[in-house]
Amino acid sequence: MTHASPRTPHHGDHHGTHHSDHHRDHHGDQPDHDADQAEILDLDAEALAEHTASITAWLPVATAPRRILDLGCGTGAGTLALLARFPAAEVTAVDSSPNHLRRLREKAQVAGVSDRVRTAEADLDATWPEPGTPDLVWASASLHHLADPGRALRRVRDLLAPGGLVAVVELAGFPRFLPEDAPDDRPGLEERCHAALAHHHAEHLPHRGADWGAALTAAGFVVEAERTIAVDVEATHTGVVGRYALSGLRRLRVGVAGLLSPEDLAALDGLLDTDGPRSLLRRDDLAVRTERRVWAARPGTTTPIRPTPIRPTQVRPTG
């Protein structure tokens, strides 16, 4: 569940602001916000496509799943990657944003897999859809937005087919795009922006950075495998990294407007001015730098612990 204030969306953690209807309650301009959110989710999907594919290839499945549940699917990065990885599978994709689900259906149509996708609009903190008995549950950057992720994991445990697998994927914070010594006039600007929002994130996203291995164990799973993937995607001729950086830092700017020094704010505005000499789009040293952590688990034979406290931990991204 996202507890965003009316004017301070979670710019430093874009994955999952679509996962709860509570977010909609705080935004009178929800259609515009959803369109903005969809844009950055699509850019994220394009920039990290190779890493997402590597995670689906790594999943420890003995038999290819036929029924997959994607929790907090956004605009479909995970859904489409899973459909490509498992050609015989069908996916039920769940999200609270009808606009994101519409975008997912459009992308599935273009990819020629619309007959293998069912979308369901639902708030994962409230009533869930009826997904049948999935062989694989995929939760990417969604659990930490829930009010009670332990309850959601116990629900997943009850839903999974015998021998089924749950995969939890989380980013170690919002990606960094600039070198540490950039820009020239205000080195370290990007880190100061994120530091300025750290308190806000700690207050409104208490499960961000949680130990999901411990949370899975407490919910009655046995963690079968886990890995950390360093993400360092350099800018290419496609321009996706530049567009991703521009969209991400524009969102970040709204959150830090009243928190930065005038000098830092002016430097940030210079980077965001696409017609100016310091524009992000003129730089050749941008990259997408972060970490992805993945846990793969199966239901155990022991009774899950209830309730399950999930304690956040501090994880710093690379770069």
Protein backbone atom coordinates (compact mmCIF):
# COMPACT_ATOMS: atom_id res chain seq x y z
CA MET A 1 0.00 0.00 0.00
CA THR A 2 1.33 3.42 -0.91
CA HIS A 3 0.92 6.16 1.67
CA ALA A 4 1.84 9.06 -0.55
CA SER A 5 1.08 12.61 0.43
CA PRO A 6 -1.00 14.64 -2.05
CA ARG A 7 2.00 16.36 -3.60
CA THR A 8 4.81 13.96 -2.88
CA PRO A 9 4.62 10.76 -4.88
CA HIS A 10 7.42 8.25 -4.41
CA HIS A 11 9.72 9.59 -7.07
CA GLY A 12 12.65 7.69 -5.70
CA ASP A 13 10.83 4.38 -5.93
CA HIS A 14 8.68 4.29 -9.00
CA HIS A 15 8.10 0.55 -9.06
CA GLY A 16 4.86 -0.18 -7.36
CA THR A 17 3.26 3.22 -6.83
CA HIS A 18 0.57 1.60 -8.99
CA HIS A 19 0.07 -1.31 -6.62
CA SER A 20 -2.56 0.18 -4.34
CA ASP A 21 -5.81 2.03 -4.73
CA HIS A 22 -4.78 4.19 -1.77
CA HIS A 23 -2.41 5.94 -4.14
CA ARG A 24 -5.37 6.83 -6.33
CA ASP A 25 -7.16 8.35 -3.36
CA HIS A 26 -4.36 10.91 -2.93
CA HIS A 27 -4.24 12.11 -6.54
CA GLY A 28 -7.06 14.06 -8.09
CA ASP A 29 -5.15 13.98 -11.38
CA GLN A 30 -4.87 10.19 -11.39
CA PRO A 31 -5.13 9.77 -15.20
CA ASP A 32 -2.21 12.16 -15.73
CA HIS A 33 -0.26 10.51 -12.93
CA ASP A 34 -0.96 7.06 -14.35
CA ALA A 35 0.23 8.17 -17.79
CA ASP A 36 3.42 9.54 -16.26
CA GLN A 37 3.88 6.36 -14.24
CA ALA A 38 3.26 4.18 -17.31
CA GLU A 39 5.94 6.07 -19.21
CA ILE A 40 8.64 5.44 -16.63
CA LEU A 41 7.59 1.81 -16.18
CA ASP A 42 7.89 1.29 -19.93
CA LEU A 43 11.31 2.94 -19.97
CA ASP A 44 12.41 0.80 -17.04
CA ALA A 45 11.20 -2.32 -18.86
CA GLU A 46 13.12 -1.39 -22.01
CA ALA A 47 16.33 -0.44 -20.22
CA LEU A 48 16.36 -3.54 -17.98
CA ALA A 49 14.92 -6.04 -20.47
CA GLU A 50 18.10 -8.09 -20.61
CA HIS A 51 18.29 -8.34 -16.82
CA THR A 52 14.63 -9.31 -16.54
CA ALA A 53 15.13 -12.04 -19.14
CA SER A 54 18.17 -13.32 -17.23
CA ILE A 55 16.08 -13.60 -14.06
CA THR A 56 13.31 -15.58 -15.78
CA ALA A 57 15.98 -17.87 -17.29
CA TRP A 58 17.51 -18.39 -13.83
CA LEU A 59 14.29 -19.41 -12.08
CA PRO A 60 14.74 -22.91 -10.61
CA VAL A 61 11.79 -24.63 -12.29
CA ALA A 62 11.95 -28.36 -12.95
CA THR A 63 8.85 -28.27 -15.14
CA ALA A 64 7.80 -25.23 -17.15
CA PRO A 65 4.85 -23.53 -15.42
CA ARG A 66 1.53 -23.44 -17.26
CA ARG A 67 -0.29 -20.98 -14.96
CA ILE A 68 1.52 -17.84 -13.76
CA LEU A 69 0.31 -15.06 -11.46
CA ASP A 70 2.03 -11.65 -11.78
CA LEU A 71 1.33 -9.55 -8.68
CA GLY A 72 1.64 -5.79 -9.22
CA CYS A 73 2.32 -6.21 -12.94
CA GLY A 74 2.48 -2.51 -13.89
CA THR A 75 2.61 -2.17 -17.67
CA GLY A 76 3.78 -5.73 -18.17
CA ALA A 77 7.58 -5.99 -18.07
CA GLY A 78 7.48 -9.19 -16.04
CA THR A 79 4.38 -10.57 -17.73
CA LEU A 80 5.88 -10.35 -21.21
CA ALA A 81 9.26 -11.68 -20.10
CA LEU A 82 7.58 -14.69 -18.48
CA LEU A 83 5.46 -15.37 -21.55
CA ALA A 84 8.61 -15.32 -23.68
CA ARG A 85 10.43 -17.63 -21.27
CA PHE A 86 7.56 -20.10 -20.96
CA PRO A 87 5.80 -20.36 -24.36
CA ALA A 88 3.07 -22.70 -23.12
CA ALA A 89 2.16 -20.59 -20.09
CA GLU A 90 -0.76 -18.28 -19.45
CA VAL A 91 -0.43 -15.29 -17.11
CA THR A 92 -2.95 -13.61 -14.84
CA ALA A 93 -1.62 -10.06 -14.44
CA VAL A 94 -2.87 -8.10 -11.41
CA ASP A 95 -2.60 -4.37 -10.79
CA SER A 96 -4.71 -1.62 -9.24
CA SER A 97 -4.34 0.75 -12.21
CA PRO A 98 -6.76 0.19 -15.11
CA ASN A 99 -4.55 2.39 -17.31
CA HIS A 100 -1.52 0.20 -16.68
CA LEU A 101 -3.53 -2.92 -17.41
CA ARG A 102 -4.79 -1.38 -20.64
CA ARG A 103 -1.20 -0.60 -21.63
CA LEU A 104 -0.20 -4.19 -20.82
CA ARG A 105 -2.96 -5.53 -23.06
CA GLU A 106 -1.81 -3.26 -25.89
CA LYS A 107 1.76 -4.54 -25.55
CA ALA A 108 0.57 -8.13 -25.40
CA GLN A 109 -1.40 -7.55 -28.60
CA VAL A 110 1.68 -6.20 -30.37
CA ALA A 111 3.74 -9.14 -29.13
CA GLY A 112 1.12 -11.59 -30.35
CA VAL A 113 0.46 -13.09 -26.92
CA SER A 114 -2.84 -11.45 -25.95
CA ASP A 115 -4.58 -14.83 -25.95
CA ARG A 116 -2.26 -15.91 -23.13
CA VAL A 117 -2.89 -12.93 -20.81
CA ARG A 118 -5.75 -12.28 -18.43
CA THR A 119 -5.71 -8.96 -16.56
CA ALA A 120 -7.36 -8.32 -13.22
CA GLU A 121 -7.76 -4.95 -11.48
CA ALA A 122 -7.34 -5.41 -7.73
CA ASP A 123 -5.83 -3.84 -4.62
CA LEU A 124 -3.50 -6.44 -3.17
CA ASP A 125 -4.16 -5.08 0.31
CA ALA A 126 -7.85 -5.85 -0.11
CA THR A 127 -9.78 -8.28 -2.31
CA TRP A 128 -7.72 -10.50 -4.61
CA PRO A 129 -8.94 -11.91 -7.92
CA GLU A 130 -9.51 -15.63 -8.39
CA PRO A 131 -6.31 -16.70 -10.18
CA GLY A 132 -6.89 -20.44 -9.96
CA THR A 133 -3.91 -22.50 -8.84
CA PRO A 134 -0.73 -20.95 -10.25
CA ASP A 135 2.46 -22.92 -10.73
CA LEU A 136 4.53 -19.73 -10.48
CA VAL A 137 3.87 -16.44 -8.69
CA TRP A 138 5.99 -13.44 -9.74
CA ALA A 139 6.15 -10.39 -7.45
CA SER A 140 8.51 -7.74 -8.81
CA ALA A 141 8.88 -4.47 -6.89
CA SER A 142 5.40 -4.86 -5.46
CA LEU A 143 5.49 -6.45 -2.01
CA HIS A 144 7.20 -3.54 -0.26
CA HIS A 145 4.27 -1.29 -1.17
CA LEU A 146 1.75 -3.42 0.70
CA ALA A 147 0.51 -2.65 4.19
CA ASP A 148 0.93 -6.30 5.19
CA PRO A 149 3.24 -8.15 2.79
CA GLY A 150 3.42 -11.10 5.19
CA ARG A 151 -0.30 -11.65 4.75
CA ALA A 152 0.12 -11.46 0.97
CA LEU A 153 2.88 -14.07 1.07
CA ARG A 154 0.70 -16.40 3.15
CA ARG A 155 -2.05 -15.93 0.57
CA VAL A 156 0.42 -16.85 -2.17
CA ARG A 157 1.44 -19.96 -0.21
CA ASP A 158 -2.19 -21.06 -0.04
CA LEU A 159 -2.75 -20.42 -3.76
CA LEU A 160 0.30 -22.15 -5.20
CA ALA A 161 0.00 -25.55 -6.83
CA PRO A 162 1.92 -28.36 -5.11
CA GLY A 163 5.60 -27.84 -5.81
CA GLY A 164 4.89 -24.34 -7.12
CA LEU A 165 7.41 -21.49 -6.98
CA VAL A 166 7.24 -17.86 -5.88
CA ALA A 167 9.81 -15.37 -7.18
CA VAL A 168 10.30 -12.07 -5.35
CA VAL A 169 12.30 -9.44 -7.25
CA GLU A 170 13.32 -6.12 -5.74
CA LEU A 171 15.49 -3.21 -6.80
CA ALA A 172 17.95 -1.87 -4.25
CA GLY A 173 16.49 1.61 -4.53
CA PHE A 174 15.80 3.80 -7.52
CA PRO A 175 18.53 3.62 -10.19
CA ARG A 176 21.29 6.21 -10.38
CA PHE A 177 22.06 7.68 -13.77
CA LEU A 178 24.89 10.20 -13.35
CA PRO A 179 28.55 9.64 -12.45
CA GLU A 180 29.34 10.39 -8.81
CA ASP A 181 31.27 13.54 -9.73
CA ALA A 182 28.49 15.01 -11.87
CA PRO A 183 27.47 17.62 -12.70
CA ASP A 184 30.60 19.70 -12.88
CA ASP A 185 29.13 22.63 -10.96
CA ARG A 186 27.50 20.50 -8.21
CA PRO A 187 29.27 17.10 -7.92
CA GLY A 188 27.27 14.42 -6.11
CA LEU A 189 23.94 16.11 -6.85
CA GLU A 190 22.04 12.90 -7.54
CA GLU A 191 23.02 11.29 -4.23
CA ARG A 192 21.99 14.44 -2.34
CA CYS A 193 18.59 14.28 -4.04
CA HIS A 194 18.07 10.72 -2.86
CA ALA A 195 19.38 11.50 0.61
CA ALA A 196 16.87 14.35 0.87
CA LEU A 197 14.03 11.90 0.28
CA ALA A 198 15.39 9.14 2.50
CA HIS A 199 13.32 10.15 5.53
CA HIS A 200 10.15 10.33 3.44
CA HIS A 201 10.75 6.86 2.05
CA ALA A 202 11.50 5.43 5.50
CA GLU A 203 8.21 6.83 6.79
CA HIS A 204 5.97 5.90 3.86
CA LEU A 205 7.63 2.70 2.61
CA PRO A 206 8.56 0.86 5.81
CA HIS A 207 9.01 -2.48 3.99
CA ARG A 208 11.40 -1.13 1.39
CA GLY A 209 14.69 -3.01 1.65
CA ALA A 210 13.15 -5.78 3.78
CA ASP A 211 14.81 -9.15 4.22
CA TRP A 212 12.47 -11.03 1.92
CA GLY A 213 14.24 -14.31 2.53
CA ALA A 214 13.27 -14.11 6.21
CA ALA A 215 9.77 -12.94 5.27
CA LEU A 216 9.29 -15.89 2.94
CA THR A 217 10.48 -18.31 5.62
CA ALA A 218 8.13 -16.77 8.18
CA ALA A 219 5.23 -17.16 5.73
CA GLY A 220 5.88 -20.88 5.39
CA PHE A 221 8.21 -21.03 2.40
CA VAL A 222 11.60 -22.64 1.95
CA VAL A 223 13.96 -20.35 0.06
CA GLU A 224 15.46 -22.48 -2.67
CA ALA A 225 17.75 -19.92 -4.29
CA GLU A 226 18.61 -16.25 -4.22
CA ARG A 227 20.89 -13.96 -6.13
CA THR A 228 21.95 -10.34 -6.47
CA ILE A 229 22.35 -8.89 -9.95
CA ALA A 230 24.45 -5.78 -10.48
CA VAL A 231 22.78 -3.52 -13.04
CA ASP A 232 25.02 -1.21 -15.05
CA VAL A 233 23.40 -0.39 -18.39
CA GLU A 234 25.30 2.20 -20.40
CA ALA A 235 23.61 4.59 -22.79
CA THR A 236 23.19 3.26 -26.32
CA HIS A 237 22.12 4.60 -29.67
CA THR A 238 18.48 3.88 -28.79
CA GLY A 239 18.47 6.74 -26.29
CA VAL A 240 16.41 4.79 -23.74
CA VAL A 241 18.84 5.47 -20.89
CA GLY A 242 18.70 9.22 -21.52
CA ARG A 243 14.90 9.20 -21.66
CA TYR A 244 14.75 7.03 -18.55
CA ALA A 245 17.09 9.39 -16.69
CA LEU A 246 15.11 12.44 -17.79
CA SER A 247 11.78 10.94 -16.73
CA GLY A 248 13.15 9.65 -13.44
CA LEU A 249 14.90 12.87 -12.42
CA ARG A 250 11.87 14.95 -13.40
CA ARG A 251 9.80 12.93 -10.93
CA LEU A 252 12.57 13.17 -8.35
CA ARG A 253 12.63 16.95 -8.68
CA VAL A 254 9.02 17.30 -7.50
CA GLY A 255 9.85 15.46 -4.29
CA VAL A 256 13.02 17.41 -3.49
CA ALA A 257 11.86 20.88 -4.55
CA GLY A 258 11.63 22.14 -0.97
CA LEU A 259 14.54 20.10 0.37
CA LEU A 260 17.54 21.02 -1.78
CA SER A 261 19.74 24.09 -1.58
CA PRO A 262 19.03 26.75 -4.21
CA GLU A 263 22.34 25.88 -5.88
CA ASP A 264 21.48 22.17 -6.12
CA LEU A 265 17.99 22.91 -7.37
CA ALA A 266 19.37 25.20 -10.07
CA ALA A 267 21.85 22.52 -11.14
CA LEU A 268 19.08 19.93 -11.30
CA ASP A 269 16.95 22.26 -13.39
CA GLY A 270 19.89 22.69 -15.76
CA LEU A 271 20.04 18.93 -16.26
CA LEU A 272 16.31 18.75 -16.90
CA ASP A 273 16.27 21.62 -19.42
CA THR A 274 16.27 19.63 -22.66
CA ASP A 275 17.12 22.76 -24.68
CA GLY A 276 19.89 23.94 -22.36
CA PRO A 277 23.64 23.36 -22.62
CA ARG A 278 23.70 21.16 -19.49
CA SER A 279 20.80 18.93 -20.52
CA LEU A 280 20.91 15.26 -19.52
CA LEU A 281 20.26 14.40 -23.15
CA ARG A 282 23.56 16.02 -24.16
CA ARG A 283 25.61 13.81 -21.85
CA ASP A 284 27.44 10.71 -23.04
CA ASP A 285 28.22 9.31 -19.57
CA LEU A 286 24.74 8.27 -18.40
CA ALA A 287 24.00 4.74 -17.24
CA VAL A 288 21.38 2.83 -15.26
CA ARG A 289 23.07 1.64 -12.07
CA THR A 290 21.43 -0.32 -9.27
CA GLU A 291 21.08 -3.86 -7.96
CA ARG A 292 18.32 -6.40 -8.31
CA ARG A 293 17.81 -9.01 -5.61
CA VAL A 294 15.84 -12.15 -6.32
CA TRP A 295 14.48 -14.87 -4.04
CA ALA A 296 12.91 -18.12 -5.29
CA ALA A 297 10.96 -20.17 -2.76
CA ARG A 298 8.54 -23.06 -2.47
CA PRO A 299 5.94 -23.81 0.22
CA GLY A 300 7.48 -25.76 3.07
CA THR A 301 5.96 -28.53 5.13
CA THR A 302 5.91 -26.53 8.36
CA THR A 303 3.16 -24.24 9.57
CA PRO A 304 3.89 -20.59 8.73
CA ILE A 305 4.54 -18.17 11.55
CA ARG A 306 1.69 -15.71 12.11
CA PRO A 307 1.94 -12.79 12.24
CA THR A 308 5.22 -12.14 10.45
CA PRO A 309 7.14 -8.95 11.18
CA ILE A 310 9.24 -7.74 8.26
CA ARG A 311 12.19 -5.63 9.23
CA PRO A 312 13.56 -3.19 6.66
CA THR A 313 17.30 -3.24 6.00
CA GLN A 314 19.48 -0.67 4.34
CA VAL A 315 20.70 -1.72 0.90
CA ARG A 316 22.74 0.70 -1.17
CA PRO A 317 22.75 0.33 -4.93
CA THR A 318 25.96 0.04 -6.88
CA GLY A 319 27.29 3.10 -8.66
